[in-house]
N, C-alpha and C. Protein backbone atom coordinates (compact mmCIF):
# COMPACT_ATOMS: atom_id res chain seq x y z
N UNK A 1 91.86 104.47 131.70
CA UNK A 1 91.69 103.49 130.65
C UNK A 1 92.73 102.38 130.81
N UNK A 2 92.38 101.18 130.45
CA UNK A 2 93.26 100.02 130.51
C UNK A 2 94.45 100.25 129.58
N UNK A 3 95.66 100.07 130.09
CA UNK A 3 96.87 100.33 129.28
C UNK A 3 96.96 99.38 128.08
N UNK A 4 96.44 98.17 128.22
CA UNK A 4 96.47 97.23 127.10
C UNK A 4 95.59 97.76 125.96
N UNK A 5 94.38 98.18 126.28
CA UNK A 5 93.47 98.71 125.25
C UNK A 5 94.03 100.00 124.66
N UNK A 6 94.57 100.85 125.51
CA UNK A 6 95.10 102.12 125.04
C UNK A 6 96.30 101.92 124.12
N UNK A 7 97.23 101.05 124.52
CA UNK A 7 98.41 100.81 123.68
C UNK A 7 98.02 100.10 122.38
N UNK A 8 97.06 99.16 122.46
CA UNK A 8 96.58 98.52 121.23
C UNK A 8 95.99 99.57 120.29
N UNK A 9 95.16 100.46 120.83
CA UNK A 9 94.54 101.50 120.02
C UNK A 9 95.55 102.43 119.37
N UNK A 10 96.56 102.80 120.12
CA UNK A 10 97.61 103.69 119.59
C UNK A 10 98.31 103.02 118.42
N UNK A 11 98.76 101.78 118.63
CA UNK A 11 99.51 101.09 117.57
C UNK A 11 98.61 100.70 116.40
N UNK A 12 97.35 100.41 116.66
CA UNK A 12 96.40 100.11 115.58
C UNK A 12 96.19 101.35 114.71
N UNK A 13 96.00 102.50 115.36
CA UNK A 13 95.79 103.75 114.63
C UNK A 13 97.02 104.09 113.80
N UNK A 14 98.19 103.98 114.39
CA UNK A 14 99.42 104.28 113.66
C UNK A 14 99.61 103.29 112.51
N UNK A 15 99.34 102.02 112.76
CA UNK A 15 99.48 101.01 111.71
C UNK A 15 98.49 101.19 110.58
N UNK A 16 97.31 101.69 110.89
CA UNK A 16 96.26 101.84 109.87
C UNK A 16 96.46 103.07 109.00
N UNK A 17 96.99 104.12 109.55
CA UNK A 17 97.00 105.38 108.82
C UNK A 17 98.38 105.89 108.44
N UNK A 18 99.42 105.12 108.68
CA UNK A 18 100.76 105.55 108.31
C UNK A 18 101.16 104.88 107.01
N UNK A 19 101.47 105.70 106.02
CA UNK A 19 101.95 105.17 104.75
C UNK A 19 103.44 105.45 104.69
N UNK A 20 104.20 104.44 104.32
CA UNK A 20 105.64 104.62 104.21
C UNK A 20 106.44 103.66 105.07
N UNK A 21 105.77 102.79 105.80
CA UNK A 21 106.47 101.76 106.55
C UNK A 21 106.97 102.21 107.91
N UNK A 22 107.89 101.41 108.45
CA UNK A 22 108.37 101.57 109.81
C UNK A 22 109.00 102.90 110.12
N UNK A 23 109.82 103.42 109.20
CA UNK A 23 110.50 104.68 109.48
C UNK A 23 109.51 105.84 109.52
N UNK A 24 108.42 105.74 108.78
CA UNK A 24 107.40 106.78 108.84
C UNK A 24 106.62 106.69 110.15
N UNK A 25 106.56 105.51 110.76
CA UNK A 25 105.83 105.31 112.00
C UNK A 25 106.60 105.79 113.23
N UNK A 26 107.91 105.79 113.15
CA UNK A 26 108.74 106.09 114.33
C UNK A 26 108.40 107.44 114.97
N UNK A 27 108.32 108.54 114.20
CA UNK A 27 107.98 109.80 114.87
C UNK A 27 106.59 109.81 115.50
N UNK A 28 105.64 109.10 114.88
CA UNK A 28 104.29 109.03 115.45
C UNK A 28 104.29 108.22 116.75
N UNK A 29 105.00 107.10 116.75
CA UNK A 29 105.10 106.28 117.95
C UNK A 29 105.79 107.08 119.06
N UNK A 30 106.87 107.77 118.70
CA UNK A 30 107.58 108.58 119.69
C UNK A 30 106.67 109.66 120.27
N UNK A 31 105.91 110.32 119.41
CA UNK A 31 105.00 111.37 119.88
C UNK A 31 103.96 110.81 120.84
N UNK A 32 103.37 109.67 120.51
CA UNK A 32 102.32 109.08 121.35
C UNK A 32 102.88 108.51 122.66
N UNK A 33 103.97 107.77 122.57
CA UNK A 33 104.47 107.02 123.73
C UNK A 33 105.38 107.86 124.62
N UNK A 34 106.26 108.66 124.02
CA UNK A 34 107.23 109.43 124.79
C UNK A 34 106.69 110.81 125.16
N UNK A 35 106.20 111.55 124.16
CA UNK A 35 105.81 112.94 124.39
C UNK A 35 104.46 113.07 125.08
N UNK A 36 103.43 112.47 124.51
CA UNK A 36 102.07 112.65 125.06
C UNK A 36 101.86 111.88 126.35
N UNK A 37 102.17 110.60 126.34
CA UNK A 37 101.83 109.77 127.51
C UNK A 37 102.98 109.59 128.50
N UNK A 38 104.19 109.86 128.06
CA UNK A 38 105.38 109.75 128.91
C UNK A 38 105.50 108.35 129.54
N UNK A 39 105.15 107.33 128.75
CA UNK A 39 105.27 105.96 129.23
C UNK A 39 106.72 105.49 129.21
N UNK A 40 107.50 106.06 128.30
CA UNK A 40 108.90 105.67 128.16
C UNK A 40 109.72 106.95 128.03
N UNK A 41 110.90 106.96 128.65
CA UNK A 41 111.80 108.12 128.55
C UNK A 41 112.40 108.20 127.15
N UNK A 42 112.78 109.40 126.75
CA UNK A 42 113.38 109.62 125.43
C UNK A 42 114.61 108.74 125.20
N UNK A 43 115.47 108.63 126.20
CA UNK A 43 116.69 107.82 126.08
C UNK A 43 116.34 106.34 125.88
N UNK A 44 115.35 105.86 126.62
CA UNK A 44 114.92 104.47 126.47
C UNK A 44 114.33 104.23 125.08
N UNK A 45 113.58 105.20 124.57
CA UNK A 45 113.00 105.07 123.24
C UNK A 45 114.09 104.96 122.19
N UNK A 46 115.12 105.78 122.30
CA UNK A 46 116.24 105.74 121.35
C UNK A 46 116.94 104.39 121.42
N UNK A 47 117.12 103.86 122.64
CA UNK A 47 117.73 102.54 122.79
C UNK A 47 116.86 101.46 122.15
N UNK A 48 115.54 101.53 122.39
CA UNK A 48 114.63 100.54 121.82
C UNK A 48 114.61 100.64 120.29
N UNK A 49 114.72 101.84 119.77
CA UNK A 49 114.76 102.03 118.33
C UNK A 49 116.03 101.42 117.74
N UNK A 50 117.15 101.62 118.41
CA UNK A 50 118.42 101.03 117.93
C UNK A 50 118.35 99.51 117.93
N UNK A 51 117.78 98.94 118.97
CA UNK A 51 117.64 97.48 119.05
C UNK A 51 116.68 97.00 117.96
N UNK A 52 115.61 97.74 117.75
CA UNK A 52 114.62 97.37 116.74
C UNK A 52 115.20 97.38 115.34
N UNK A 53 116.07 98.33 115.08
CA UNK A 53 116.71 98.42 113.77
C UNK A 53 117.70 97.29 113.55
N UNK A 54 118.34 96.85 114.60
CA UNK A 54 119.35 95.81 114.43
C UNK A 54 118.77 94.40 114.53
N UNK A 55 117.56 94.27 115.01
CA UNK A 55 116.91 92.95 115.10
C UNK A 55 116.33 92.58 113.74
N UNK A 56 116.32 91.29 113.42
CA UNK A 56 115.71 90.89 112.15
C UNK A 56 114.20 91.12 112.19
N UNK A 57 113.64 91.45 111.05
CA UNK A 57 112.20 91.65 110.97
C UNK A 57 111.83 93.06 110.60
N UNK A 58 110.56 93.33 110.66
CA UNK A 58 110.01 94.62 110.25
C UNK A 58 110.18 95.62 111.39
N UNK A 59 110.73 96.78 111.06
CA UNK A 59 111.04 97.79 112.08
C UNK A 59 109.81 98.16 112.90
N UNK A 60 108.68 98.40 112.26
CA UNK A 60 107.47 98.83 112.99
C UNK A 60 107.02 97.76 113.97
N UNK A 61 107.09 96.52 113.56
CA UNK A 61 106.69 95.42 114.46
C UNK A 61 107.70 95.28 115.58
N UNK A 62 108.99 95.37 115.24
CA UNK A 62 110.03 95.25 116.27
C UNK A 62 109.89 96.33 117.33
N UNK A 63 109.72 97.59 116.91
CA UNK A 63 109.63 98.67 117.90
C UNK A 63 108.37 98.51 118.74
N UNK A 64 107.28 98.07 118.12
CA UNK A 64 106.06 97.88 118.91
C UNK A 64 106.23 96.76 119.94
N UNK A 65 106.90 95.70 119.54
CA UNK A 65 107.15 94.59 120.47
C UNK A 65 108.01 95.05 121.64
N UNK A 66 109.09 95.77 121.35
CA UNK A 66 109.99 96.22 122.41
C UNK A 66 109.31 97.22 123.34
N UNK A 67 108.51 98.12 122.77
CA UNK A 67 107.80 99.08 123.61
C UNK A 67 106.76 98.37 124.47
N UNK A 68 106.01 97.45 123.86
CA UNK A 68 105.03 96.68 124.63
C UNK A 68 105.67 95.90 125.76
N UNK A 69 106.83 95.32 125.47
CA UNK A 69 107.53 94.55 126.50
C UNK A 69 108.00 95.48 127.62
N UNK A 70 108.50 96.64 127.25
CA UNK A 70 108.96 97.60 128.27
C UNK A 70 107.79 98.07 129.14
N UNK A 71 106.60 98.21 128.52
CA UNK A 71 105.43 98.67 129.26
C UNK A 71 104.84 97.58 130.16
N UNK A 72 104.60 96.39 129.59
CA UNK A 72 103.87 95.36 130.32
C UNK A 72 104.34 93.93 130.04
N UNK A 73 105.60 93.76 129.71
CA UNK A 73 106.14 92.41 129.54
C UNK A 73 105.60 91.72 128.29
N UNK A 74 105.50 90.41 128.38
CA UNK A 74 105.08 89.59 127.23
C UNK A 74 103.69 89.99 126.74
N UNK A 75 102.75 90.13 127.65
CA UNK A 75 101.39 90.52 127.25
C UNK A 75 101.39 91.86 126.53
N UNK A 76 102.14 92.80 127.03
CA UNK A 76 102.22 94.11 126.39
C UNK A 76 102.81 94.02 125.00
N UNK A 77 103.83 93.18 124.83
CA UNK A 77 104.44 93.04 123.50
C UNK A 77 103.48 92.39 122.52
N UNK A 78 102.68 91.45 122.97
CA UNK A 78 101.69 90.80 122.10
C UNK A 78 100.62 91.81 121.68
N UNK A 79 100.15 92.59 122.64
CA UNK A 79 99.09 93.57 122.36
C UNK A 79 99.57 94.63 121.38
N UNK A 80 100.77 95.18 121.60
CA UNK A 80 101.26 96.23 120.70
C UNK A 80 101.62 95.67 119.32
N UNK A 81 102.14 94.46 119.28
CA UNK A 81 102.45 93.84 117.97
C UNK A 81 101.17 93.61 117.18
N UNK A 82 100.14 93.10 117.85
CA UNK A 82 98.85 92.91 117.15
C UNK A 82 98.27 94.23 116.68
N UNK A 83 98.40 95.26 117.50
CA UNK A 83 97.92 96.57 117.09
C UNK A 83 98.63 97.08 115.85
N UNK A 84 99.90 96.77 115.70
CA UNK A 84 100.67 97.20 114.54
C UNK A 84 100.35 96.37 113.31
N UNK A 85 100.19 95.07 113.48
CA UNK A 85 100.05 94.14 112.36
C UNK A 85 98.62 94.07 111.83
N UNK A 86 97.65 94.11 112.70
CA UNK A 86 96.25 93.88 112.29
C UNK A 86 95.73 94.82 111.20
N UNK A 87 96.01 96.12 111.24
CA UNK A 87 95.47 96.97 110.16
C UNK A 87 95.91 96.52 108.77
N UNK A 88 97.19 96.25 108.60
CA UNK A 88 97.68 95.79 107.30
C UNK A 88 97.07 94.45 106.92
N UNK A 89 96.99 93.55 107.89
CA UNK A 89 96.41 92.23 107.63
C UNK A 89 94.95 92.36 107.18
N UNK A 90 94.18 93.18 107.87
CA UNK A 90 92.76 93.36 107.53
C UNK A 90 92.61 93.98 106.15
N UNK A 91 93.41 94.99 105.86
CA UNK A 91 93.33 95.65 104.55
C UNK A 91 93.69 94.68 103.43
N UNK A 92 94.77 93.93 103.58
CA UNK A 92 95.17 92.97 102.55
C UNK A 92 94.13 91.86 102.41
N UNK A 93 93.58 91.40 103.52
CA UNK A 93 92.55 90.37 103.48
C UNK A 93 91.31 90.88 102.73
N UNK A 94 90.89 92.11 103.01
CA UNK A 94 89.74 92.68 102.31
C UNK A 94 90.00 92.82 100.82
N UNK A 95 91.19 93.27 100.47
CA UNK A 95 91.53 93.39 99.05
C UNK A 95 91.52 92.02 98.39
N UNK A 96 92.10 91.03 99.06
CA UNK A 96 92.14 89.67 98.49
C UNK A 96 90.74 89.09 98.32
N UNK A 97 89.86 89.36 99.28
CA UNK A 97 88.50 88.82 99.20
C UNK A 97 87.70 89.43 98.05
N UNK A 98 87.91 90.70 97.79
CA UNK A 98 87.09 91.39 96.81
C UNK A 98 87.81 91.69 95.50
N UNK A 99 89.08 91.39 95.41
CA UNK A 99 89.85 91.74 94.22
C UNK A 99 89.32 91.06 92.96
N UNK A 100 88.93 89.81 93.06
CA UNK A 100 88.47 89.08 91.88
C UNK A 100 87.22 89.71 91.26
N UNK A 101 86.43 90.43 92.06
CA UNK A 101 85.20 91.03 91.52
C UNK A 101 85.46 92.31 90.73
N UNK A 102 86.57 92.99 91.00
CA UNK A 102 86.82 94.24 90.29
C UNK A 102 88.16 94.28 89.57
N UNK A 103 88.88 93.15 89.50
CA UNK A 103 90.20 93.18 88.88
C UNK A 103 90.15 93.47 87.39
N UNK A 104 89.05 93.14 86.70
CA UNK A 104 88.93 93.39 85.27
C UNK A 104 88.32 94.75 84.96
N UNK A 105 88.00 95.53 85.95
CA UNK A 105 87.45 96.86 85.77
C UNK A 105 88.55 97.76 85.17
N UNK A 106 88.27 98.44 84.05
CA UNK A 106 89.30 99.27 83.41
C UNK A 106 89.86 100.37 84.31
N UNK A 107 89.04 100.93 85.17
CA UNK A 107 89.51 101.98 86.07
C UNK A 107 90.51 101.40 87.07
N UNK A 108 90.18 100.23 87.61
CA UNK A 108 91.08 99.57 88.56
C UNK A 108 92.39 99.19 87.88
N UNK A 109 92.31 98.70 86.65
CA UNK A 109 93.52 98.35 85.90
C UNK A 109 94.41 99.58 85.72
N UNK A 110 93.81 100.71 85.38
CA UNK A 110 94.59 101.95 85.20
C UNK A 110 95.21 102.41 86.51
N UNK A 111 94.45 102.26 87.60
CA UNK A 111 94.99 102.64 88.91
C UNK A 111 96.22 101.80 89.23
N UNK A 112 96.13 100.49 89.02
CA UNK A 112 97.27 99.61 89.32
C UNK A 112 98.45 99.90 88.39
N UNK A 113 98.18 100.24 87.13
CA UNK A 113 99.27 100.61 86.23
C UNK A 113 99.94 101.90 86.68
N UNK A 114 99.18 102.80 87.26
CA UNK A 114 99.75 104.04 87.79
C UNK A 114 100.52 103.83 89.08
N UNK A 115 100.10 102.86 89.85
CA UNK A 115 100.76 102.58 91.13
C UNK A 115 102.12 101.90 90.93
N UNK A 116 102.26 101.10 89.89
CA UNK A 116 103.49 100.33 89.68
C UNK A 116 104.76 101.17 89.74
N UNK A 117 104.85 102.29 89.01
CA UNK A 117 106.08 103.09 89.11
C UNK A 117 106.34 103.62 90.53
N UNK A 118 105.27 103.97 91.23
CA UNK A 118 105.43 104.45 92.60
C UNK A 118 105.97 103.34 93.50
N UNK A 119 105.49 102.12 93.30
CA UNK A 119 105.97 100.99 94.10
C UNK A 119 107.45 100.74 93.80
N UNK A 120 107.82 100.81 92.53
CA UNK A 120 109.23 100.63 92.17
C UNK A 120 110.07 101.71 92.86
N UNK A 121 109.60 102.94 92.86
CA UNK A 121 110.34 104.02 93.52
C UNK A 121 110.43 103.79 95.03
N UNK A 122 109.33 103.32 95.63
CA UNK A 122 109.34 103.06 97.07
C UNK A 122 110.30 101.93 97.43
N UNK A 123 110.49 100.99 96.52
CA UNK A 123 111.44 99.91 96.76
C UNK A 123 112.86 100.37 96.45
N UNK A 124 113.02 101.15 95.39
CA UNK A 124 114.35 101.57 94.95
C UNK A 124 115.01 102.53 95.93
N UNK A 125 114.25 103.48 96.47
CA UNK A 125 114.84 104.49 97.35
C UNK A 125 115.56 103.88 98.55
N UNK A 126 114.90 102.99 99.32
CA UNK A 126 115.65 102.40 100.44
C UNK A 126 116.77 101.47 99.97
N UNK A 127 116.62 100.89 98.78
CA UNK A 127 117.67 100.02 98.26
C UNK A 127 118.95 100.82 98.03
N UNK A 128 118.81 102.00 97.43
CA UNK A 128 119.99 102.84 97.21
C UNK A 128 120.57 103.34 98.52
N UNK A 129 119.71 103.66 99.46
CA UNK A 129 120.18 104.11 100.78
C UNK A 129 120.95 102.99 101.47
N UNK A 130 120.39 101.77 101.42
CA UNK A 130 121.09 100.63 102.03
C UNK A 130 122.40 100.35 101.29
N UNK A 131 122.39 100.52 99.97
CA UNK A 131 123.61 100.32 99.19
C UNK A 131 124.71 101.27 99.61
N UNK A 132 124.33 102.53 99.84
CA UNK A 132 125.31 103.51 100.31
C UNK A 132 125.84 103.14 101.69
N UNK A 133 124.94 102.74 102.58
CA UNK A 133 125.39 102.40 103.94
C UNK A 133 126.17 101.10 103.96
N UNK A 134 125.96 100.23 102.95
CA UNK A 134 126.72 98.98 102.84
C UNK A 134 128.04 99.20 102.09
N UNK A 135 128.31 100.47 101.73
CA UNK A 135 129.54 100.86 101.05
C UNK A 135 129.71 100.16 99.70
N UNK A 136 128.59 100.07 98.97
CA UNK A 136 128.66 99.54 97.62
C UNK A 136 129.20 100.64 96.73
N UNK A 137 130.27 100.33 95.99
CA UNK A 137 130.89 101.31 95.12
C UNK A 137 131.18 100.67 93.77
N UNK A 138 131.95 101.32 92.94
CA UNK A 138 132.19 100.81 91.59
C UNK A 138 133.02 99.52 91.60
N UNK A 139 133.74 99.23 92.66
CA UNK A 139 134.56 98.02 92.72
C UNK A 139 133.75 96.78 93.10
N UNK A 140 132.70 96.95 93.88
CA UNK A 140 131.91 95.79 94.29
C UNK A 140 130.47 95.85 93.82
N UNK A 141 130.15 96.76 92.90
CA UNK A 141 128.80 96.88 92.35
C UNK A 141 128.37 95.61 91.62
N UNK A 142 129.33 94.86 91.13
CA UNK A 142 129.02 93.64 90.39
C UNK A 142 128.28 92.62 91.25
N UNK A 143 128.48 92.64 92.56
CA UNK A 143 127.87 91.63 93.43
C UNK A 143 126.35 91.75 93.43
N UNK A 144 125.76 92.92 93.74
CA UNK A 144 124.29 92.99 93.68
C UNK A 144 123.75 92.85 92.27
N UNK A 145 124.50 93.31 91.26
CA UNK A 145 124.03 93.20 89.87
C UNK A 145 123.97 91.73 89.46
N UNK A 146 125.01 90.97 89.75
CA UNK A 146 125.02 89.54 89.41
C UNK A 146 123.96 88.79 90.22
N UNK A 147 123.82 89.14 91.49
CA UNK A 147 122.81 88.47 92.33
C UNK A 147 121.40 88.71 91.78
N UNK A 148 121.09 89.96 91.49
CA UNK A 148 119.76 90.28 90.95
C UNK A 148 119.54 89.61 89.60
N UNK A 149 120.58 89.57 88.77
CA UNK A 149 120.46 88.93 87.46
C UNK A 149 120.22 87.43 87.59
N UNK A 150 120.92 86.78 88.50
CA UNK A 150 120.73 85.35 88.71
C UNK A 150 119.30 85.04 89.17
N UNK A 151 118.78 85.88 90.02
CA UNK A 151 117.41 85.68 90.52
C UNK A 151 116.39 85.98 89.43
N UNK A 152 116.54 87.12 88.78
CA UNK A 152 115.53 87.58 87.83
C UNK A 152 115.60 86.85 86.51
N UNK A 153 116.79 86.74 85.92
CA UNK A 153 116.91 86.17 84.58
C UNK A 153 116.98 84.64 84.57
N UNK A 154 117.67 84.07 85.54
CA UNK A 154 117.87 82.63 85.53
C UNK A 154 117.01 81.88 86.54
N UNK A 155 116.24 82.60 87.33
CA UNK A 155 115.31 81.97 88.26
C UNK A 155 115.96 81.31 89.47
N UNK A 156 117.17 81.75 89.84
CA UNK A 156 117.82 81.20 91.02
C UNK A 156 117.02 81.58 92.26
N UNK A 157 117.03 80.72 93.25
CA UNK A 157 116.36 81.03 94.50
C UNK A 157 117.18 82.05 95.29
N UNK A 158 116.53 83.09 95.82
CA UNK A 158 117.27 84.07 96.63
C UNK A 158 117.98 83.44 97.83
N UNK A 159 117.43 82.34 98.31
CA UNK A 159 118.05 81.66 99.46
C UNK A 159 119.46 81.19 99.09
N UNK A 160 119.61 80.63 97.90
CA UNK A 160 120.94 80.15 97.47
C UNK A 160 121.90 81.32 97.26
N UNK A 161 121.38 82.43 96.78
CA UNK A 161 122.22 83.62 96.60
C UNK A 161 122.71 84.11 97.96
N UNK A 162 121.83 84.14 98.94
CA UNK A 162 122.21 84.59 100.28
C UNK A 162 123.24 83.65 100.90
N UNK A 163 123.03 82.35 100.73
CA UNK A 163 124.00 81.38 101.26
C UNK A 163 125.34 81.54 100.58
N UNK A 164 125.33 81.67 99.24
CA UNK A 164 126.58 81.85 98.50
C UNK A 164 127.28 83.14 98.92
N UNK A 165 126.51 84.21 99.12
CA UNK A 165 127.10 85.48 99.55
C UNK A 165 127.71 85.36 100.94
N UNK A 166 127.03 84.65 101.83
CA UNK A 166 127.56 84.44 103.18
C UNK A 166 128.86 83.65 103.16
N UNK A 167 128.88 82.58 102.39
CA UNK A 167 130.09 81.76 102.29
C UNK A 167 131.21 82.56 101.63
N UNK A 168 130.86 83.28 100.55
CA UNK A 168 131.86 84.11 99.87
C UNK A 168 132.42 85.18 100.78
N UNK A 169 131.57 85.83 101.55
CA UNK A 169 132.03 86.86 102.49
C UNK A 169 132.92 86.28 103.57
N UNK A 170 132.55 85.10 104.07
CA UNK A 170 133.37 84.44 105.09
C UNK A 170 134.75 84.10 104.53
N UNK A 171 134.77 83.51 103.33
CA UNK A 171 136.04 83.13 102.70
C UNK A 171 136.88 84.37 102.37
N UNK A 172 136.25 85.43 101.90
CA UNK A 172 136.97 86.67 101.61
C UNK A 172 137.59 87.24 102.88
N UNK A 173 136.83 87.22 103.98
CA UNK A 173 137.36 87.70 105.25
C UNK A 173 138.54 86.87 105.73
N UNK A 174 138.44 85.55 105.57
CA UNK A 174 139.54 84.66 105.95
C UNK A 174 140.78 84.94 105.10
N UNK A 175 140.57 85.07 103.77
CA UNK A 175 141.67 85.32 102.85
C UNK A 175 142.31 86.68 103.13
N UNK A 176 141.50 87.66 103.37
CA UNK A 176 141.98 89.02 103.61
C UNK A 176 142.79 89.12 104.89
N UNK A 177 142.42 88.34 105.90
CA UNK A 177 143.11 88.38 107.20
C UNK A 177 144.00 87.17 107.43
N UNK A 178 144.35 86.46 106.36
CA UNK A 178 145.16 85.24 106.53
C UNK A 178 146.59 85.59 106.92
N UNK A 179 147.25 84.66 107.63
CA UNK A 179 148.65 84.91 108.04
C UNK A 179 149.57 85.04 106.84
N UNK A 180 149.28 84.35 105.73
CA UNK A 180 150.15 84.44 104.55
C UNK A 180 150.13 85.85 103.99
N UNK A 181 149.01 86.50 103.97
CA UNK A 181 148.89 87.86 103.43
C UNK A 181 149.63 88.85 104.32
N UNK A 182 149.54 88.68 105.63
CA UNK A 182 150.21 89.62 106.53
C UNK A 182 151.73 89.44 106.48
N UNK A 183 152.23 88.22 106.19
CA UNK A 183 153.67 88.00 106.08
C UNK A 183 154.26 88.69 104.85
N UNK A 184 153.48 88.73 103.74
CA UNK A 184 153.96 89.33 102.51
C UNK A 184 154.13 90.84 102.66
N UNK A 185 153.35 91.46 103.51
CA UNK A 185 153.39 92.92 103.65
C UNK A 185 154.48 93.30 104.55
């Protein structure tokens, strides 16, 4: 079978039937690419996963791009990325096309009301995990609380919050490592 079609099919299947995002896809991708087909060595997969996690963007798309590139260069990365992205795109497009016809249905309304708490939990769980890994504690907890409050209550753009946080972090680092501070100690 053509490796382009096979890799597209693998990533399309994983993208279509995996619930839970990129981290839920990783073991499935590893099983298909490393264990079953032996297209990539285990060590290379771990390296690609580390690069995918540190690169900006969605983990599932990043890992598919890197694996595709490792397999067949640019064409391979395009094929595997499309295989990962298309299922979600098609599902969202179908929902958007037909949502207006059933959005006022009481059963659909109840389903969406039931889904809301689950979505909040799915967003909150990785947020707390990232908070722990970012070493957020009782001394610096005010930063995410104030940021979220500015966005939610006062309508600040998240972009300005990110810029302010970047500038603040840079200035804090400069102040913390300044020659004046080291002379006092």
